[in-house]
């Protein structure tokens, strides 16, 4: 249970950092912005998966 919560919170923090960093990047380097948003989306997907898994185990 604690393992899933750590994964969920870690993934959400990573998503915020990835998406937040994309706002600091130069928008002329569009590949860096897209990569940051893709990594943020992947982190949110991981968080949602483990949230569902955590809710099933309760």
C-alpha atoms as a PDB file:
ATOM      1  CA  UNK A   1       0.000   0.000   0.000  1.00  0.00           C
ATOM      2  CA  UNK A   2       2.715   2.476   0.976  1.00  0.00           C
ATOM      3  CA  UNK A   3       4.680   1.456  -2.110  1.00  0.00           C
ATOM      4  CA  UNK A   4       1.774   2.450  -4.375  1.00  0.00           C
ATOM      5  CA  UNK A   5       1.283   5.773  -2.601  1.00  0.00           C
ATOM      6  CA  UNK A   6       4.953   6.626  -3.010  1.00  0.00           C
ATOM      7  CA  UNK A   7       4.773   5.756  -6.711  1.00  0.00           C
ATOM      8  CA  UNK A   8       1.627   7.864  -7.183  1.00  0.00           C
ATOM      9  CA  UNK A   9       2.984  10.928  -5.379  1.00  0.00           C
ATOM     10  CA  UNK A  10       6.376  10.606  -7.060  1.00  0.00           C
ATOM     11  CA  UNK A  11       4.753  10.399 -10.471  1.00  0.00           C
ATOM     12  CA  UNK A  12       2.588  13.441  -9.817  1.00  0.00           C
ATOM     13  CA  UNK A  13       5.582  15.467  -8.628  1.00  0.00           C
ATOM     14  CA  UNK A  14       7.528  14.415 -11.734  1.00  0.00           C
ATOM     15  CA  UNK A  15       4.601  15.399 -13.964  1.00  0.00           C
ATOM     16  CA  UNK A  16       4.435  18.860 -12.401  1.00  0.00           C
ATOM     17  CA  UNK A  17       8.195  19.287 -12.793  1.00  0.00           C
ATOM     18  CA  UNK A  18       8.215  18.111 -16.415  1.00  0.00           C
ATOM     19  CA  UNK A  19       5.315  20.324 -17.449  1.00  0.00           C
ATOM     20  CA  UNK A  20       6.580  23.253 -15.379  1.00  0.00           C
ATOM     21  CA  UNK A  21      10.026  23.019 -16.946  1.00  0.00           C
ATOM     22  CA  UNK A  22       8.496  23.099 -20.411  1.00  0.00           C
ATOM     23  CA  UNK A  23       7.227  26.599 -19.604  1.00  0.00           C
ATOM     24  CA  UNK A  24      10.780  27.701 -18.806  1.00  0.00           C
ATOM     25  CA  UNK A  25      12.259  26.317 -22.020  1.00  0.00           C
ATOM     26  CA  UNK A  26      12.693  28.299 -25.175  1.00  0.00           C
ATOM     27  CA  UNK A  27       9.633  27.703 -27.324  1.00  0.00           C
ATOM     28  CA  UNK A  28      11.801  27.816 -30.448  1.00  0.00           C
ATOM     29  CA  UNK A  29      13.096  24.384 -29.437  1.00  0.00           C
ATOM     30  CA  UNK A  30       9.696  22.792 -29.895  1.00  0.00           C
ATOM     31  CA  UNK A  31      11.051  19.250 -29.529  1.00  0.00           C
ATOM     32  CA  UNK A  32      12.097  19.996 -25.935  1.00  0.00           C
ATOM     33  CA  UNK A  33       8.649  21.333 -25.091  1.00  0.00           C
ATOM     34  CA  UNK A  34       6.939  18.334 -26.708  1.00  0.00           C
ATOM     35  CA  UNK A  35       9.243  15.925 -24.920  1.00  0.00           C
ATOM     36  CA  UNK A  36       8.508  17.588 -21.574  1.00  0.00           C
ATOM     37  CA  UNK A  37       4.757  17.362 -22.173  1.00  0.00           C
ATOM     38  CA  UNK A  38       5.037  13.714 -23.252  1.00  0.00           C
ATOM     39  CA  UNK A  39       7.036  12.839 -20.139  1.00  0.00           C
ATOM     40  CA  UNK A  40       4.513  14.736 -18.016  1.00  0.00           C
ATOM     41  CA  UNK A  41       1.666  12.826 -19.645  1.00  0.00           C
ATOM     42  CA  UNK A  42       3.445   9.534 -19.085  1.00  0.00           C
ATOM     43  CA  UNK A  43       3.938  10.386 -15.417  1.00  0.00           C
ATOM     44  CA  UNK A  44       0.237  11.205 -15.052  1.00  0.00           C
ATOM     45  CA  UNK A  45      -0.646   7.905 -16.736  1.00  0.00           C
ATOM     46  CA  UNK A  46       1.572   6.000 -14.297  1.00  0.00           C
ATOM     47  CA  UNK A  47      -0.020   7.851 -11.371  1.00  0.00           C
ATOM     48  CA  UNK A  48      -3.528   7.001 -12.607  1.00  0.00           C
ATOM     49  CA  UNK A  49      -2.634   3.342 -13.106  1.00  0.00           C
ATOM     50  CA  UNK A  50      -1.261   2.943  -9.595  1.00  0.00           C
ATOM     51  CA  UNK A  51      -4.123   4.964  -8.083  1.00  0.00           C
ATOM     52  CA  UNK A  52      -6.544   2.478  -9.629  1.00  0.00           C
ATOM     53  CA  UNK A  53      -4.430  -0.416  -8.389  1.00  0.00           C
ATOM     54  CA  UNK A  54      -4.309   1.143  -4.901  1.00  0.00           C
ATOM     55  CA  UNK A  55      -8.092   1.551  -4.834  1.00  0.00           C
ATOM     56  CA  UNK A  56      -8.620  -2.088  -5.846  1.00  0.00           C
ATOM     57  CA  UNK A  57      -6.381  -3.315  -3.040  1.00  0.00           C
ATOM     58  CA  UNK A  58      -8.329  -1.376  -0.410  1.00  0.00           C
END
